[in-house]
Amino acid sequence: MQATLEELEKEAMQLPEDQKISLAHKILQSTEPPEDPAANALWEAEIIRRIEKLDKGKTELHDASEVFAELDKQLQK
């Protein structure tokens, strides 16, 4: 099987970039568990709740770069 994997890798590396990306995406998707409709419904409800909270001015927006910088700072402690 190892020789086959090496051959596949070599062939895949010869593909144009867009096809490599497509192949990688398909391979990653094949490792994902099947979608859970109940979990999707919960996420959708949470998204709606957060949007409504934002629209009502009950939450603050933070720039992503600031959030990540603060996380980096806290993780270095």
PDB file of N, CA and C in Angstrom:
ATOM      1  N   MET A   1       0.826  -1.205   0.000  1.00  0.00           N
ATOM      2  CA  MET A   1       0.000   0.000   0.000  1.00  0.00           C
ATOM      3  C   MET A   1       0.862   1.258   0.000  1.00  0.00           C
ATOM      4  N   GLN A   2       2.031   1.204   0.637  1.00  0.00           N
ATOM      5  CA  GLN A   2       2.891   2.376   0.714  1.00  0.00           C
ATOM      6  C   GLN A   2       3.305   2.853  -0.677  1.00  0.00           C
ATOM      7  N   ALA A   3       3.666   1.928  -1.558  1.00  0.00           N
ATOM      8  CA  ALA A   3       4.062   2.315  -2.906  1.00  0.00           C
ATOM      9  C   ALA A   3       2.892   3.001  -3.608  1.00  0.00           C
ATOM     10  N   THR A   4       1.695   2.492  -3.387  1.00  0.00           N
ATOM     11  CA  THR A   4       0.510   3.087  -3.999  1.00  0.00           C
ATOM     12  C   THR A   4       0.302   4.507  -3.484  1.00  0.00           C
ATOM     13  N   LEU A   5       0.467   4.706  -2.176  1.00  0.00           N
ATOM     14  CA  LEU A   5       0.318   6.030  -1.599  1.00  0.00           C
ATOM     15  C   LEU A   5       1.350   6.996  -2.175  1.00  0.00           C
ATOM     16  N   GLU A   6       2.570   6.545  -2.290  1.00  0.00           N
ATOM     17  CA  GLU A   6       3.612   7.395  -2.858  1.00  0.00           C
ATOM     18  C   GLU A   6       3.316   7.734  -4.315  1.00  0.00           C
ATOM     19  N   GLU A   7       2.807   6.768  -5.066  1.00  0.00           N
ATOM     20  CA  GLU A   7       2.452   7.011  -6.464  1.00  0.00           C
ATOM     21  C   GLU A   7       1.311   8.012  -6.565  1.00  0.00           C
ATOM     22  N   LEU A   8       0.298   7.839  -5.720  1.00  0.00           N
ATOM     23  CA  LEU A   8      -0.828   8.778  -5.721  1.00  0.00           C
ATOM     24  C   LEU A   8      -0.372  10.186  -5.373  1.00  0.00           C
ATOM     25  N   GLU A   9       0.489  10.283  -4.376  1.00  0.00           N
ATOM     26  CA  GLU A   9       0.998  11.591  -3.974  1.00  0.00           C
ATOM     27  C   GLU A   9       1.765  12.247  -5.120  1.00  0.00           C
ATOM     28  N   LYS A  10       2.597  11.473  -5.779  1.00  0.00           N
ATOM     29  CA  LYS A  10       3.388  12.004  -6.892  1.00  0.00           C
ATOM     30  C   LYS A  10       2.469  12.499  -8.009  1.00  0.00           C
ATOM     31  N   GLU A  11       1.447  11.708  -8.335  1.00  0.00           N
ATOM     32  CA  GLU A  11       0.505  12.111  -9.378  1.00  0.00           C
ATOM     33  C   GLU A  11      -0.289  13.345  -8.965  1.00  0.00           C
ATOM     34  N   ALA A  12      -0.714  13.373  -7.705  1.00  0.00           N
ATOM     35  CA  ALA A  12      -1.495  14.505  -7.219  1.00  0.00           C
ATOM     36  C   ALA A  12      -0.685  15.798  -7.275  1.00  0.00           C
ATOM     37  N   MET A  13       0.610  15.708  -7.004  1.00  0.00           N
ATOM     38  CA  MET A  13       1.449  16.901  -7.019  1.00  0.00           C
ATOM     39  C   MET A  13       1.623  17.465  -8.425  1.00  0.00           C
ATOM     40  N   GLN A  14       1.323  16.667  -9.433  1.00  0.00           N
ATOM     41  CA  GLN A  14       1.427  17.118 -10.820  1.00  0.00           C
ATOM     42  C   GLN A  14       0.183  17.862 -11.295  1.00  0.00           C
ATOM     43  N   LEU A  15      -0.881  17.799 -10.512  1.00  0.00           N
ATOM     44  CA  LEU A  15      -2.137  18.452 -10.891  1.00  0.00           C
ATOM     45  C   LEU A  15      -2.005  19.970 -10.817  1.00  0.00           C
ATOM     46  N   PRO A  16      -2.813  20.679 -11.617  1.00  0.00           N
ATOM     47  CA  PRO A  16      -2.865  22.135 -11.467  1.00  0.00           C
ATOM     48  C   PRO A  16      -3.380  22.487 -10.061  1.00  0.00           C
ATOM     49  N   GLU A  17      -3.044  23.659  -9.588  1.00  0.00           N
ATOM     50  CA  GLU A  17      -3.372  24.056  -8.222  1.00  0.00           C
ATOM     51  C   GLU A  17      -4.861  23.915  -7.906  1.00  0.00           C
ATOM     52  N   ASP A  18      -5.733  24.361  -8.810  1.00  0.00           N
ATOM     53  CA  ASP A  18      -7.166  24.288  -8.522  1.00  0.00           C
ATOM     54  C   ASP A  18      -7.637  22.846  -8.358  1.00  0.00           C
ATOM     55  N   GLN A  19      -7.057  21.929  -9.123  1.00  0.00           N
ATOM     56  CA  GLN A  19      -7.428  20.527  -8.996  1.00  0.00           C
ATOM     57  C   GLN A  19      -6.861  19.917  -7.715  1.00  0.00           C
ATOM     58  N   LYS A  20      -5.676  20.354  -7.303  1.00  0.00           N
ATOM     59  CA  LYS A  20      -5.122  19.892  -6.027  1.00  0.00           C
ATOM     60  C   LYS A  20      -6.033  20.307  -4.879  1.00  0.00           C
ATOM     61  N   ILE A  21      -6.475  21.545  -4.918  1.00  0.00           N
ATOM     62  CA  ILE A  21      -7.350  22.064  -3.864  1.00  0.00           C
ATOM     63  C   ILE A  21      -8.659  21.288  -3.845  1.00  0.00           C
ATOM     64  N   SER A  22      -9.215  21.043  -5.015  1.00  0.00           N
ATOM     65  CA  SER A  22     -10.458  20.278  -5.106  1.00  0.00           C
ATOM     66  C   SER A  22     -10.280  18.866  -4.556  1.00  0.00           C
ATOM     67  N   LEU A  23      -9.185  18.224  -4.908  1.00  0.00           N
ATOM     68  CA  LEU A  23      -8.905  16.874  -4.421  1.00  0.00           C
ATOM     69  C   LEU A  23      -8.733  16.872  -2.905  1.00  0.00           C
ATOM     70  N   ALA A  24      -7.976  17.823  -2.397  1.00  0.00           N
ATOM     71  CA  ALA A  24      -7.761  17.905  -0.951  1.00  0.00           C
ATOM     72  C   ALA A  24      -9.085  18.107  -0.225  1.00  0.00           C
ATOM     73  N   HIS A  25      -9.936  18.958  -0.783  1.00  0.00           N
ATOM     74  CA  HIS A  25     -11.245  19.216  -0.182  1.00  0.00           C
ATOM     75  C   HIS A  25     -12.078  17.940  -0.151  1.00  0.00           C
ATOM     76  N   LYS A  26     -12.094  17.206  -1.247  1.00  0.00           N
ATOM     77  CA  LYS A  26     -12.865  15.964  -1.310  1.00  0.00           C
ATOM     78  C   LYS A  26     -12.341  14.939  -0.315  1.00  0.00           C
ATOM     79  N   ILE A  27     -11.029  14.843  -0.175  1.00  0.00           N
ATOM     80  CA  ILE A  27     -10.440  13.892   0.774  1.00  0.00           C
ATOM     81  C   ILE A  27     -10.808  14.281   2.203  1.00  0.00           C
ATOM     82  N   LEU A  28     -10.695  15.577   2.521  1.00  0.00           N
ATOM     83  CA  LEU A  28     -11.049  16.025   3.869  1.00  0.00           C
ATOM     84  C   LEU A  28     -12.533  15.797   4.157  1.00  0.00           C
ATOM     85  N   GLN A  29     -13.384  16.074   3.174  1.00  0.00           N
ATOM     86  CA  GLN A  29     -14.819  15.853   3.354  1.00  0.00           C
ATOM     87  C   GLN A  29     -15.119  14.390   3.640  1.00  0.00           C
ATOM     88  N   SER A  30     -14.369  13.493   3.034  1.00  0.00           N
ATOM     89  CA  SER A  30     -14.623  12.070   3.224  1.00  0.00           C
ATOM     90  C   SER A  30     -14.313  11.617   4.644  1.00  0.00           C
ATOM     91  N   THR A  31     -13.581  12.421   5.403  1.00  0.00           N
ATOM     92  CA  THR A  31     -13.246  12.057   6.780  1.00  0.00           C
ATOM     93  C   THR A  31     -14.204  12.673   7.795  1.00  0.00           C
ATOM     94  N   GLU A  32     -15.085  13.538   7.336  1.00  0.00           N
ATOM     95  CA  GLU A  32     -16.034  14.197   8.231  1.00  0.00           C
ATOM     96  C   GLU A  32     -17.190  13.264   8.569  1.00  0.00           C
ATOM     97  N   PRO A  33     -17.687  13.351   9.801  1.00  0.00           N
ATOM     98  CA  PRO A  33     -18.873  12.553  10.141  1.00  0.00           C
ATOM     99  C   PRO A  33     -20.087  13.087   9.377  1.00  0.00           C
ATOM    100  N   PRO A  34     -21.114  12.268   9.235  1.00  0.00           N
ATOM    101  CA  PRO A  34     -22.314  12.746   8.545  1.00  0.00           C
ATOM    102  C   PRO A  34     -22.933  13.925   9.297  1.00  0.00           C
ATOM    103  N   GLU A  35     -23.606  14.787   8.548  1.00  0.00           N
ATOM    104  CA  GLU A  35     -24.234  15.949   9.174  1.00  0.00           C
ATOM    105  C   GLU A  35     -25.326  15.511  10.133  1.00  0.00           C
ATOM    106  N   ASP A  36     -25.456  16.270  11.210  1.00  0.00           N
ATOM    107  CA  ASP A  36     -26.474  16.006  12.219  1.00  0.00           C
ATOM    108  C   ASP A  36     -27.523  17.114  12.122  1.00  0.00           C
ATOM    109  N   PRO A  37     -28.718  16.809  11.589  1.00  0.00           N
ATOM    110  CA  PRO A  37     -29.748  17.843  11.437  1.00  0.00           C
ATOM    111  C   PRO A  37     -30.089  18.546  12.746  1.00  0.00           C
ATOM    112  N   ALA A  38     -30.084  17.815  13.853  1.00  0.00           N
ATOM    113  CA  ALA A  38     -30.397  18.434  15.140  1.00  0.00           C
ATOM    114  C   ALA A  38     -29.320  19.450  15.527  1.00  0.00           C
ATOM    115  N   ALA A  39     -28.072  19.093  15.327  1.00  0.00           N
ATOM    116  CA  ALA A  39     -26.975  20.022  15.639  1.00  0.00           C
ATOM    117  C   ALA A  39     -27.038  21.238  14.718  1.00  0.00           C
ATOM    118  N   ASN A  40     -27.324  21.009  13.444  1.00  0.00           N
ATOM    119  CA  ASN A  40     -27.443  22.128  12.499  1.00  0.00           C
ATOM    120  C   ASN A  40     -28.555  23.082  12.919  1.00  0.00           C
ATOM    121  N   ALA A  41     -29.677  22.540  13.388  1.00  0.00           N
ATOM    122  CA  ALA A  41     -30.794  23.379  13.830  1.00  0.00           C
ATOM    123  C   ALA A  41     -30.387  24.203  15.049  1.00  0.00           C
ATOM    124  N   LEU A  42     -29.645  23.594  15.967  1.00  0.00           N
ATOM    125  CA  LEU A  42     -29.182  24.332  17.145  1.00  0.00           C
ATOM    126  C   LEU A  42     -28.228  25.453  16.762  1.00  0.00           C
ATOM    127  N   TRP A  43     -27.313  25.178  15.824  1.00  0.00           N
ATOM    128  CA  TRP A  43     -26.382  26.218  15.369  1.00  0.00           C
ATOM    129  C   TRP A  43     -27.136  27.347  14.676  1.00  0.00           C
ATOM    130  N   GLU A  44     -28.120  27.002  13.870  1.00  0.00           N
ATOM    131  CA  GLU A  44     -28.902  28.030  13.177  1.00  0.00           C
ATOM    132  C   GLU A  44     -29.629  28.917  14.183  1.00  0.00           C
ATOM    133  N   ALA A  45     -30.212  28.309  15.218  1.00  0.00           N
ATOM    134  CA  ALA A  45     -30.899  29.086  16.255  1.00  0.00           C
ATOM    135  C   ALA A  45     -29.908  29.992  16.985  1.00  0.00           C
ATOM    136  N   GLU A  46     -28.705  29.491  17.248  1.00  0.00           N
ATOM    137  CA  GLU A  46     -27.686  30.289  17.931  1.00  0.00           C
ATOM    138  C   GLU A  46     -27.246  31.470  17.072  1.00  0.00           C
ATOM    139  N   ILE A  47     -27.094  31.236  15.785  1.00  0.00           N
ATOM    140  CA  ILE A  47     -26.710  32.321  14.866  1.00  0.00           C
ATOM    141  C   ILE A  47     -27.775  33.408  14.866  1.00  0.00           C
ATOM    142  N   ILE A  48     -29.033  32.996  14.789  1.00  0.00           N
ATOM    143  CA  ILE A  48     -30.143  33.961  14.797  1.00  0.00           C
ATOM    144  C   ILE A  48     -30.148  34.737  16.111  1.00  0.00           C
ATOM    145  N   ARG A  49     -29.944  34.034  17.238  1.00  0.00           N
ATOM    146  CA  ARG A  49     -29.918  34.692  18.547  1.00  0.00           C
ATOM    147  C   ARG A  49     -28.811  35.739  18.608  1.00  0.00           C
ATOM    148  N   ARG A  50     -27.647  35.394  18.092  1.00  0.00           N
ATOM    149  CA  ARG A  50     -26.516  36.334  18.134  1.00  0.00           C
ATOM    150  C   ARG A  50     -26.753  37.541  17.226  1.00  0.00           C
ATOM    151  N   ILE A  51     -27.340  37.317  16.062  1.00  0.00           N
ATOM    152  CA  ILE A  51     -27.644  38.435  15.153  1.00  0.00           C
ATOM    153  C   ILE A  51     -28.655  39.369  15.804  1.00  0.00           C
ATOM    154  N   GLU A  52     -29.699  38.800  16.415  1.00  0.00           N
ATOM    155  CA  GLU A  52     -30.709  39.634  17.082  1.00  0.00           C
ATOM    156  C   GLU A  52     -30.091  40.440  18.218  1.00  0.00           C
ATOM    157  N   LYS A  53     -29.210  39.811  18.980  1.00  0.00           N
ATOM    158  CA  LYS A  53     -28.526  40.494  20.071  1.00  0.00           C
ATOM    159  C   LYS A  53     -27.675  41.646  19.536  1.00  0.00           C
ATOM    160  N   LEU A  54     -26.997  41.412  18.431  1.00  0.00           N
ATOM    161  CA  LEU A  54     -26.188  42.450  17.802  1.00  0.00           C
ATOM    162  C   LEU A  54     -27.067  43.585  17.287  1.00  0.00           C
ATOM    163  N   ASP A  55     -28.157  43.224  16.616  1.00  0.00           N
ATOM    164  CA  ASP A  55     -29.071  44.239  16.075  1.00  0.00           C
ATOM    165  C   ASP A  55     -29.676  45.117  17.172  1.00  0.00           C
ATOM    166  N   LYS A  56     -29.878  44.549  18.351  1.00  0.00           N
ATOM    167  CA  LYS A  56     -30.468  45.298  19.468  1.00  0.00           C
ATOM    168  C   LYS A  56     -29.425  46.063  20.270  1.00  0.00           C
ATOM    169  N   GLY A  57     -28.168  45.962  19.854  1.00  0.00           N
ATOM    170  CA  GLY A  57     -27.095  46.678  20.544  1.00  0.00           C
ATOM    171  C   GLY A  57     -26.743  46.081  21.892  1.00  0.00           C
ATOM    172  N   LYS A  58     -27.035  44.817  22.088  1.00  0.00           N
ATOM    173  CA  LYS A  58     -26.779  44.165  23.377  1.00  0.00           C
ATOM    174  C   LYS A  58     -25.449  43.423  23.405  1.00  0.00           C
ATOM    175  N   THR A  59     -24.639  43.618  22.389  1.00  0.00           N
ATOM    176  CA  THR A  59     -23.326  42.993  22.354  1.00  0.00           C
ATOM    177  C   THR A  59     -22.354  43.920  21.641  1.00  0.00           C
ATOM    178  N   GLU A  60     -21.090  43.705  21.873  1.00  0.00           N
ATOM    179  CA  GLU A  60     -20.065  44.541  21.255  1.00  0.00           C
ATOM    180  C   GLU A  60     -19.359  43.783  20.140  1.00  0.00           C
ATOM    181  N   LEU A  61     -18.910  44.524  19.150  1.00  0.00           N
ATOM    182  CA  LEU A  61     -18.093  43.948  18.096  1.00  0.00           C
ATOM    183  C   LEU A  61     -16.631  44.170  18.433  1.00  0.00           C
ATOM    184  N   HIS A  62     -15.814  43.176  18.135  1.00  0.00           N
ATOM    185  CA  HIS A  62     -14.378  43.291  18.357  1.00  0.00           C
ATOM    186  C   HIS A  62     -13.664  42.869  17.082  1.00  0.00           C
ATOM    187  N   ASP A  63     -12.653  43.617  16.715  1.00  0.00           N
ATOM    188  CA  ASP A  63     -11.864  43.290  15.541  1.00  0.00           C
ATOM    189  C   ASP A  63     -11.147  41.961  15.775  1.00  0.00           C
ATOM    190  N   ALA A  64     -11.188  41.085  14.789  1.00  0.00           N
ATOM    191  CA  ALA A  64     -10.594  39.757  14.933  1.00  0.00           C
ATOM    192  C   ALA A  64      -9.114  39.836  15.303  1.00  0.00           C
ATOM    193  N   SER A  65      -8.390  40.771  14.724  1.00  0.00           N
ATOM    194  CA  SER A  65      -6.954  40.864  15.036  1.00  0.00           C
ATOM    195  C   SER A  65      -6.746  41.192  16.510  1.00  0.00           C
ATOM    196  N   GLU A  66      -7.634  41.999  17.096  1.00  0.00           N
ATOM    197  CA  GLU A  66      -7.536  42.309  18.521  1.00  0.00           C
ATOM    198  C   GLU A  66      -7.848  41.078  19.372  1.00  0.00           C
ATOM    199  N   VAL A  67      -8.853  40.332  18.976  1.00  0.00           N
ATOM    200  CA  VAL A  67      -9.229  39.118  19.709  1.00  0.00           C
ATOM    201  C   VAL A  67      -8.082  38.113  19.702  1.00  0.00           C
ATOM    202  N   PHE A  68      -7.504  37.878  18.528  1.00  0.00           N
ATOM    203  CA  PHE A  68      -6.404  36.919  18.432  1.00  0.00           C
ATOM    204  C   PHE A  68      -5.164  37.407  19.170  1.00  0.00           C
ATOM    205  N   ALA A  69      -4.910  38.698  19.150  1.00  0.00           N
ATOM    206  CA  ALA A  69      -3.769  39.238  19.881  1.00  0.00           C
ATOM    207  C   ALA A  69      -3.967  39.035  21.391  1.00  0.00           C
ATOM    208  N   GLU A  70      -5.176  39.251  21.874  1.00  0.00           N
ATOM    209  CA  GLU A  70      -5.470  39.045  23.281  1.00  0.00           C
ATOM    210  C   GLU A  70      -5.355  37.562  23.655  1.00  0.00           C
ATOM    211  N   LEU A  71      -5.823  36.676  22.788  1.00  0.00           N
ATOM    212  CA  LEU A  71      -5.671  35.232  23.031  1.00  0.00           C
ATOM    213  C   LEU A  71      -4.196  34.838  23.091  1.00  0.00           C
ATOM    214  N   ASP A  72      -3.423  35.327  22.150  1.00  0.00           N
ATOM    215  CA  ASP A  72      -1.976  35.042  22.149  1.00  0.00           C
ATOM    216  C   ASP A  72      -1.349  35.504  23.458  1.00  0.00           C
ATOM    217  N   LYS A  73      -1.731  36.699  23.890  1.00  0.00           N
ATOM    218  CA  LYS A  73      -1.187  37.269  25.120  1.00  0.00           C
ATOM    219  C   LYS A  73      -1.547  36.376  26.314  1.00  0.00           C
ATOM    220  N   GLN A  74      -2.796  35.936  26.395  1.00  0.00           N
ATOM    221  CA  GLN A  74      -3.232  35.096  27.511  1.00  0.00           C
ATOM    222  C   GLN A  74      -2.575  33.716  27.470  1.00  0.00           C
ATOM    223  N   LEU A  75      -2.354  33.174  26.303  1.00  0.00           N
ATOM    224  CA  LEU A  75      -1.745  31.846  26.184  1.00  0.00           C
ATOM    225  C   LEU A  75      -0.264  31.860  26.527  1.00  0.00           C
ATOM    226  N   GLN A  76       0.368  33.022  26.447  1.00  0.00           N
ATOM    227  CA  GLN A  76       1.798  33.126  26.755  1.00  0.00           C
ATOM    228  C   GLN A  76       2.062  33.234  28.259  1.00  0.00           C
ATOM    229  N   LYS A  77       1.018  33.430  29.037  1.00  0.00           N
ATOM    230  CA  LYS A  77       1.189  33.578  30.492  1.00  0.00           C
ATOM    231  C   LYS A  77       1.590  32.273  31.130  1.00  0.00           C
TER     232      LYS A  77
END
